[in-house]
Amino acid sequence: MPHHPEADPRRLTKPVTSVRAARIDDLAAIVALEQSAHGAAHWSLDHYRKRVQSQPDGACFVVAECEGETRESKLLGFLCARIVGIANEWEIENVVVQQESRRQGIGAQLMQSLIGIWDRSAANALLLEVRESNTAARALYERHGIGEVGRRRAYYHDPSEDAILYARHRRK
């Protein structure tokens, strides 16, 4: 009997990943995901709440979620960027992807969503800093046109490590 891809049970249960704006009811899952990520910036629930509530004028906060056949959502990752109005710049503050979901394009989806929103804004620059040893994140940023522009010596602690500064400027 010939094999029909649409009859493959793995294909029928394959989850759908979508990216959307973070909501208040995502906060518990966001904090749980962030706490499970060793290299992530660790913030309080209140800090995340303020970022979610300040969208779209003060922050861009997007989440990637997976919807299975039960239609229940599962948070796979998030990206939070702060909008610095007076400087007309955006700073990527935190990007986290669930450990078991890494290297599946989720970080790229989050970055593409952010860059699409940033492209429609009046901001001139998209900035961030990242641990020198975080080669996966650095490659992700570089693939999205965010280039290395500097270094902050011993910026991070536990362990002490340099921060590599990245920027993407609006093309004129």
Protein backbone atom coordinates (compact mmCIF):
# COMPACT_ATOMS: atom_id res chain seq x y z
CA MET A 1 0.00 0.00 0.00
CA PRO A 2 1.47 3.41 -0.94
CA HIS A 3 2.45 5.79 1.84
CA HIS A 4 0.43 9.02 1.95
CA PRO A 5 2.13 11.86 3.88
CA GLU A 6 -1.22 13.25 5.00
CA ALA A 7 -1.95 9.91 6.69
CA ASP A 8 1.27 10.01 8.73
CA PRO A 9 0.20 10.34 12.40
CA ARG A 10 3.34 12.34 13.22
CA ARG A 11 2.33 14.88 10.61
CA LEU A 12 -1.20 15.13 12.00
CA THR A 13 0.03 15.92 15.50
CA LYS A 14 2.88 18.22 14.48
CA PRO A 15 2.46 21.44 16.47
CA VAL A 16 2.01 24.82 14.88
CA THR A 17 4.30 27.60 16.07
CA SER A 18 3.07 31.17 15.99
CA VAL A 19 4.44 34.48 17.22
CA ARG A 20 2.19 37.08 18.80
CA ALA A 21 2.29 39.98 21.25
CA ALA A 22 2.70 38.92 24.87
CA ARG A 23 -0.33 39.23 27.14
CA ILE A 24 -0.74 39.51 30.90
CA ASP A 25 -1.99 35.92 31.07
CA ASP A 26 1.40 34.78 29.61
CA LEU A 27 3.36 36.13 32.59
CA ALA A 28 3.52 32.92 34.65
CA ALA A 29 4.78 30.93 31.65
CA ILE A 30 7.26 33.69 30.72
CA VAL A 31 8.76 33.76 34.23
CA ALA A 32 8.90 29.95 34.41
CA LEU A 33 10.67 29.78 31.04
CA GLU A 34 13.10 32.55 31.97
CA GLN A 35 13.92 30.89 35.31
CA SER A 36 14.76 27.64 33.50
CA ALA A 37 17.23 29.39 31.18
CA HIS A 38 20.65 29.65 32.82
CA GLY A 39 22.00 32.49 30.65
CA ALA A 40 18.86 34.64 30.55
CA ALA A 41 18.48 37.98 32.29
CA HIS A 42 16.45 37.21 35.41
CA TRP A 43 13.74 39.76 36.13
CA SER A 44 10.88 40.00 38.56
CA LEU A 45 7.27 39.25 37.63
CA ASP A 46 6.53 42.94 38.10
CA HIS A 47 9.27 43.91 35.61
CA TYR A 48 7.76 41.62 32.96
CA ARG A 49 4.26 42.91 33.76
CA LYS A 50 5.42 46.50 33.16
CA ARG A 51 6.96 45.52 29.81
CA VAL A 52 3.78 43.75 28.67
CA GLN A 53 1.61 46.66 29.77
CA SER A 54 3.82 49.26 28.05
CA GLN A 55 3.27 47.81 24.58
CA PRO A 56 3.37 49.21 21.94
CA ASP A 57 4.67 52.60 23.05
CA GLY A 58 7.37 51.56 25.53
CA ALA A 59 8.18 47.97 24.65
CA CYS A 60 7.89 45.25 22.08
CA PHE A 61 7.25 41.91 23.75
CA VAL A 62 6.54 38.87 21.57
CA VAL A 63 6.07 35.20 22.42
CA ALA A 64 6.35 32.05 20.33
CA GLU A 65 3.83 29.41 21.17
CA CYS A 66 3.07 25.90 20.04
CA GLU A 67 -0.45 24.71 19.53
CA GLY A 68 -0.99 20.96 19.52
CA GLU A 69 -4.02 18.99 18.53
CA THR A 70 -5.69 19.85 21.85
CA ARG A 71 -5.43 23.55 20.87
CA GLU A 72 -3.77 24.30 24.20
CA SER A 73 -0.88 26.70 23.81
CA LYS A 74 2.58 26.10 25.14
CA LEU A 75 5.10 28.92 25.36
CA LEU A 76 8.30 28.05 23.50
CA GLY A 77 10.11 31.36 23.72
CA PHE A 78 9.92 35.10 24.06
CA LEU A 79 11.71 38.28 23.08
CA CYS A 80 11.49 41.57 24.94
CA ALA A 81 12.78 44.86 23.57
CA ARG A 82 12.64 48.24 25.30
CA ILE A 83 11.88 51.30 23.26
CA VAL A 84 14.03 54.26 24.26
CA GLY A 85 11.86 57.11 23.00
CA ILE A 86 14.15 60.04 23.55
CA ALA A 87 17.04 58.31 21.79
CA ASN A 88 14.75 56.88 19.08
CA GLU A 89 16.35 53.44 19.58
CA TRP A 90 15.20 49.98 20.58
CA GLU A 91 17.22 47.73 22.86
CA ILE A 92 16.72 43.97 22.84
CA GLU A 93 16.71 43.10 26.52
CA ASN A 94 15.92 39.40 26.75
CA VAL A 95 15.54 36.50 24.31
CA VAL A 96 14.74 33.07 25.69
CA VAL A 97 13.85 29.84 23.88
CA GLN A 98 12.91 26.70 25.77
CA GLN A 99 15.92 24.34 25.97
CA GLU A 100 14.26 21.43 24.15
CA SER A 101 12.98 23.75 21.40
CA ARG A 102 16.31 25.34 20.49
CA ARG A 103 17.76 25.03 16.99
CA GLN A 104 14.27 24.72 15.49
CA GLY A 105 13.92 28.25 14.14
CA ILE A 106 11.98 29.71 17.07
CA GLY A 107 14.60 32.34 17.86
CA ALA A 108 14.61 33.29 14.17
CA GLN A 109 10.81 33.64 14.19
CA LEU A 110 11.00 35.90 17.23
CA MET A 111 13.73 38.03 15.63
CA GLN A 112 11.81 38.29 12.33
CA SER A 113 8.73 39.43 14.19
CA LEU A 114 10.66 42.05 16.14
CA ILE A 115 12.46 43.34 13.05
CA GLY A 116 9.15 43.58 11.17
CA ILE A 117 7.69 45.69 13.97
CA TRP A 118 10.90 47.73 14.23
CA ASP A 119 10.90 48.32 10.44
CA ARG A 120 7.41 49.86 10.71
CA SER A 121 8.48 52.12 13.57
CA ALA A 122 10.31 55.44 13.44
CA ALA A 123 13.27 54.09 15.44
CA ASN A 124 16.74 54.59 14.00
CA ALA A 125 18.59 51.73 15.69
CA LEU A 126 18.14 48.27 17.18
CA LEU A 127 20.75 47.59 19.88
CA LEU A 128 21.76 44.80 22.27
CA GLU A 129 24.60 43.28 24.24
CA VAL A 130 25.31 39.57 24.64
CA ARG A 131 27.80 37.40 26.47
CA GLU A 132 30.88 36.79 24.37
CA SER A 133 30.51 33.01 24.89
CA ASN A 134 26.89 32.93 23.64
CA THR A 135 27.83 31.96 20.10
CA ALA A 136 24.34 30.68 19.20
CA ALA A 137 22.72 34.03 20.05
CA ARG A 138 25.49 35.96 18.32
CA ALA A 139 24.98 33.92 15.13
CA LEU A 140 21.21 34.52 15.34
CA TYR A 141 21.69 38.29 15.58
CA GLU A 142 24.20 38.36 12.75
CA ARG A 143 21.86 36.34 10.49
CA HIS A 144 19.30 39.11 11.03
CA GLY A 145 21.57 41.96 10.01
CA ILE A 146 22.59 43.01 13.52
CA GLY A 147 26.34 43.49 13.53
CA GLU A 148 29.03 43.65 16.19
CA VAL A 149 29.94 47.26 17.05
CA GLY A 150 31.88 47.10 20.31
CA ARG A 151 32.70 45.45 23.60
CA ARG A 152 32.17 46.11 27.31
CA ARG A 153 34.95 44.51 29.34
CA ALA A 154 33.85 42.32 32.28
CA TYR A 155 30.24 43.49 31.89
CA TYR A 156 28.73 40.19 33.05
CA HIS A 157 29.33 38.48 36.40
CA ASP A 158 29.07 34.87 37.58
CA PRO A 159 31.21 34.25 35.58
CA SER A 160 32.92 37.47 34.62
CA GLU A 161 32.70 37.93 30.88
CA ASP A 162 32.79 40.63 28.24
CA ALA A 163 29.60 41.84 26.58
CA ILE A 164 29.67 42.11 22.82
CA LEU A 165 27.64 45.09 21.59
CA TYR A 166 25.50 44.72 18.48
CA ALA A 167 23.54 47.24 16.42
CA ARG A 168 21.40 47.47 13.33
CA HIS A 169 20.79 50.96 11.96
CA ARG A 170 18.00 52.02 9.69
CA ARG A 171 19.06 52.28 6.08
CA LYS A 172 18.63 55.79 4.78
